[in-house]
């Protein structure tokens, strides 16, 4: 990205507290270019951050995938939620968090950056 002569700034920041069974459906972050999540509390077995292959709409007539497809050919990939870690991604990338299967809250802080 060519950001010469431009500044980046955090435009949004929020806390996610996901009790048991809470989920965050598939979405993206318009009006941002970099988004991220910092994991504060991640009980063992909690849901990770699931990303959708951006080519998915172009694959509508593709045959089914084999069960053990290589990582680069998956339609979705999930990064585990681990306390103390930060995940950064481009904001146009659709993502979701599956229902929290644990009996404890999963807590994270998410944020967006934009440029001017």
C-alpha atoms as a PDB file:
ATOM      1  CA  UNK A   1       0.000   0.000   0.000  1.00  0.00           C
ATOM      2  CA  UNK A   2       1.301   3.408  -0.910  1.00  0.00           C
ATOM      3  CA  UNK A   3       0.602   5.599   2.117  1.00  0.00           C
ATOM      4  CA  UNK A   4       3.264   8.223   1.369  1.00  0.00           C
ATOM      5  CA  UNK A   5       1.968  11.630   2.391  1.00  0.00           C
ATOM      6  CA  UNK A   6      -1.002  10.111   4.203  1.00  0.00           C
ATOM      7  CA  UNK A   7      -1.714   9.373   7.829  1.00  0.00           C
ATOM      8  CA  UNK A   8      -3.466   6.374   9.281  1.00  0.00           C
ATOM      9  CA  UNK A   9      -5.688   6.663  12.313  1.00  0.00           C
ATOM     10  CA  UNK A  10      -7.855   4.422  14.425  1.00  0.00           C
ATOM     11  CA  UNK A  11     -11.464   5.256  13.577  1.00  0.00           C
ATOM     12  CA  UNK A  12     -13.326   2.693  15.696  1.00  0.00           C
ATOM     13  CA  UNK A  13     -12.591   0.554  18.732  1.00  0.00           C
ATOM     14  CA  UNK A  14     -14.967  -1.691  20.669  1.00  0.00           C
ATOM     15  CA  UNK A  15     -15.025  -4.535  23.188  1.00  0.00           C
ATOM     16  CA  UNK A  16     -16.572  -7.906  22.313  1.00  0.00           C
ATOM     17  CA  UNK A  17     -17.871  -9.954  25.220  1.00  0.00           C
ATOM     18  CA  UNK A  18     -19.194 -13.249  23.928  1.00  0.00           C
ATOM     19  CA  UNK A  19     -20.976 -15.364  26.544  1.00  0.00           C
ATOM     20  CA  UNK A  20     -21.764 -19.029  25.879  1.00  0.00           C
ATOM     21  CA  UNK A  21     -23.551 -19.555  22.504  1.00  0.00           C
ATOM     22  CA  UNK A  22     -22.938 -15.938  21.352  1.00  0.00           C
ATOM     23  CA  UNK A  23     -21.867 -15.575  17.700  1.00  0.00           C
ATOM     24  CA  UNK A  24     -20.947 -12.758  15.321  1.00  0.00           C
ATOM     25  CA  UNK A  25     -22.252 -13.401  11.800  1.00  0.00           C
ATOM     26  CA  UNK A  26     -20.362 -12.973   8.527  1.00  0.00           C
ATOM     27  CA  UNK A  27     -19.506  -9.313   7.864  1.00  0.00           C
ATOM     28  CA  UNK A  28     -16.852  -6.853   6.702  1.00  0.00           C
ATOM     29  CA  UNK A  29     -15.809  -3.359   7.802  1.00  0.00           C
ATOM     30  CA  UNK A  30     -16.715  -0.645   5.267  1.00  0.00           C
ATOM     31  CA  UNK A  31     -14.926   2.732   5.389  1.00  0.00           C
ATOM     32  CA  UNK A  32     -11.788   1.143   6.846  1.00  0.00           C
ATOM     33  CA  UNK A  33      -8.710  -0.404   5.286  1.00  0.00           C
ATOM     34  CA  UNK A  34      -7.162  -2.363   8.166  1.00  0.00           C
ATOM     35  CA  UNK A  35      -9.118  -4.079  10.926  1.00  0.00           C
ATOM     36  CA  UNK A  36      -7.940  -6.148  13.830  1.00  0.00           C
ATOM     37  CA  UNK A  37      -8.712  -7.938  17.054  1.00  0.00           C
ATOM     38  CA  UNK A  38      -6.745  -8.208  20.273  1.00  0.00           C
ATOM     39  CA  UNK A  39      -7.668 -11.255  22.350  1.00  0.00           C
ATOM     40  CA  UNK A  40      -8.069 -10.518  26.065  1.00  0.00           C
ATOM     41  CA  UNK A  41      -9.683 -13.702  27.382  1.00  0.00           C
ATOM     42  CA  UNK A  42     -10.017 -16.899  25.387  1.00  0.00           C
ATOM     43  CA  UNK A  43     -11.309 -19.922  27.247  1.00  0.00           C
ATOM     44  CA  UNK A  44     -10.016 -23.246  25.987  1.00  0.00           C
ATOM     45  CA  UNK A  45     -12.151 -24.419  23.070  1.00  0.00           C
ATOM     46  CA  UNK A  46     -13.603 -20.995  22.225  1.00  0.00           C
ATOM     47  CA  UNK A  47     -14.276 -20.003  18.619  1.00  0.00           C
ATOM     48  CA  UNK A  48     -11.590 -18.453  16.463  1.00  0.00           C
ATOM     49  CA  UNK A  49     -11.837 -15.833  13.724  1.00  0.00           C
ATOM     50  CA  UNK A  50     -13.130 -17.422  10.514  1.00  0.00           C
ATOM     51  CA  UNK A  51     -12.286 -15.795   7.159  1.00  0.00           C
ATOM     52  CA  UNK A  52     -14.097 -16.417   3.875  1.00  0.00           C
ATOM     53  CA  UNK A  53     -12.192 -16.956   0.624  1.00  0.00           C
ATOM     54  CA  UNK A  54     -12.826 -13.699  -1.296  1.00  0.00           C
ATOM     55  CA  UNK A  55     -13.114 -15.716  -4.529  1.00  0.00           C
ATOM     56  CA  UNK A  56     -16.159 -17.589  -3.234  1.00  0.00           C
ATOM     57  CA  UNK A  57     -18.704 -15.880  -5.512  1.00  0.00           C
ATOM     58  CA  UNK A  58     -16.561 -16.802  -8.530  1.00  0.00           C
ATOM     59  CA  UNK A  59     -16.588 -20.471  -7.547  1.00  0.00           C
ATOM     60  CA  UNK A  60     -20.358 -20.993  -7.742  1.00  0.00           C
ATOM     61  CA  UNK A  61     -20.105 -23.713 -10.426  1.00  0.00           C
ATOM     62  CA  UNK A  62     -16.994 -25.384  -8.995  1.00  0.00           C
ATOM     63  CA  UNK A  63     -17.230 -29.052  -7.988  1.00  0.00           C
ATOM     64  CA  UNK A  64     -17.167 -29.909  -4.271  1.00  0.00           C
ATOM     65  CA  UNK A  65     -13.821 -29.891  -2.485  1.00  0.00           C
ATOM     66  CA  UNK A  66     -12.199 -33.116  -1.334  1.00  0.00           C
ATOM     67  CA  UNK A  67     -12.256 -33.611   2.467  1.00  0.00           C
ATOM     68  CA  UNK A  68      -8.506 -33.069   2.929  1.00  0.00           C
ATOM     69  CA  UNK A  69      -8.071 -30.046   0.648  1.00  0.00           C
ATOM     70  CA  UNK A  70      -4.839 -28.051   0.996  1.00  0.00           C
ATOM     71  CA  UNK A  71      -5.084 -24.904   3.146  1.00  0.00           C
ATOM     72  CA  UNK A  72      -4.742 -22.574   0.144  1.00  0.00           C
ATOM     73  CA  UNK A  73      -7.778 -24.200  -1.502  1.00  0.00           C
ATOM     74  CA  UNK A  74     -10.182 -24.003   1.448  1.00  0.00           C
ATOM     75  CA  UNK A  75     -13.289 -21.822   1.167  1.00  0.00           C
ATOM     76  CA  UNK A  76     -12.834 -20.742   4.788  1.00  0.00           C
ATOM     77  CA  UNK A  77      -9.962 -20.655   7.227  1.00  0.00           C
ATOM     78  CA  UNK A  78     -10.100 -20.088  10.966  1.00  0.00           C
ATOM     79  CA  UNK A  79      -7.387 -18.507  13.066  1.00  0.00           C
ATOM     80  CA  UNK A  80      -7.484 -19.607  16.698  1.00  0.00           C
ATOM     81  CA  UNK A  81      -8.302 -17.040  19.369  1.00  0.00           C
ATOM     82  CA  UNK A  82      -5.382 -16.927  21.806  1.00  0.00           C
ATOM     83  CA  UNK A  83      -5.192 -14.434  24.678  1.00  0.00           C
ATOM     84  CA  UNK A  84      -2.475 -11.833  24.090  1.00  0.00           C
ATOM     85  CA  UNK A  85      -2.472 -12.226  20.285  1.00  0.00           C
ATOM     86  CA  UNK A  86      -3.480  -9.622  17.701  1.00  0.00           C
ATOM     87  CA  UNK A  87      -4.859 -10.457  14.256  1.00  0.00           C
ATOM     88  CA  UNK A  88      -4.741  -7.755  11.558  1.00  0.00           C
ATOM     89  CA  UNK A  89      -6.519  -8.074   8.198  1.00  0.00           C
ATOM     90  CA  UNK A  90      -7.734  -5.948   5.324  1.00  0.00           C
ATOM     91  CA  UNK A  91     -11.208  -4.661   6.119  1.00  0.00           C
ATOM     92  CA  UNK A  92     -12.837  -5.905   2.880  1.00  0.00           C
ATOM     93  CA  UNK A  93     -12.225  -9.515   3.925  1.00  0.00           C
ATOM     94  CA  UNK A  94     -15.475 -11.106   5.137  1.00  0.00           C
ATOM     95  CA  UNK A  95     -15.203 -12.816   8.508  1.00  0.00           C
ATOM     96  CA  UNK A  96     -17.224 -14.197  11.388  1.00  0.00           C
ATOM     97  CA  UNK A  97     -16.988 -15.728  14.838  1.00  0.00           C
ATOM     98  CA  UNK A  98     -18.891 -18.987  15.343  1.00  0.00           C
ATOM     99  CA  UNK A  99     -21.000 -19.554  18.448  1.00  0.00           C
ATOM    100  CA  UNK A 100     -18.963 -19.734  21.636  1.00  0.00           C
ATOM    101  CA  UNK A 101     -19.168 -23.411  22.679  1.00  0.00           C
ATOM    102  CA  UNK A 102     -17.586 -22.864  26.109  1.00  0.00           C
ATOM    103  CA  UNK A 103     -19.203 -21.990  29.435  1.00  0.00           C
ATOM    104  CA  UNK A 104     -16.984 -18.896  29.833  1.00  0.00           C
ATOM    105  CA  UNK A 105     -16.949 -15.475  28.180  1.00  0.00           C
ATOM    106  CA  UNK A 106     -14.635 -14.900  25.227  1.00  0.00           C
ATOM    107  CA  UNK A 107     -13.386 -11.289  25.401  1.00  0.00           C
ATOM    108  CA  UNK A 108     -11.605  -9.316  22.692  1.00  0.00           C
ATOM    109  CA  UNK A 109     -11.046  -5.721  21.606  1.00  0.00           C
ATOM    110  CA  UNK A 110     -11.560  -4.974  17.909  1.00  0.00           C
ATOM    111  CA  UNK A 111     -10.591  -1.887  15.928  1.00  0.00           C
ATOM    112  CA  UNK A 112     -10.497  -0.278  12.490  1.00  0.00           C
ATOM    113  CA  UNK A 113      -7.967   2.016  10.849  1.00  0.00           C
ATOM    114  CA  UNK A 114      -8.464   4.383   7.942  1.00  0.00           C
ATOM    115  CA  UNK A 115      -6.143   6.730   6.067  1.00  0.00           C
ATOM    116  CA  UNK A 116      -6.388  10.391   5.185  1.00  0.00           C
END
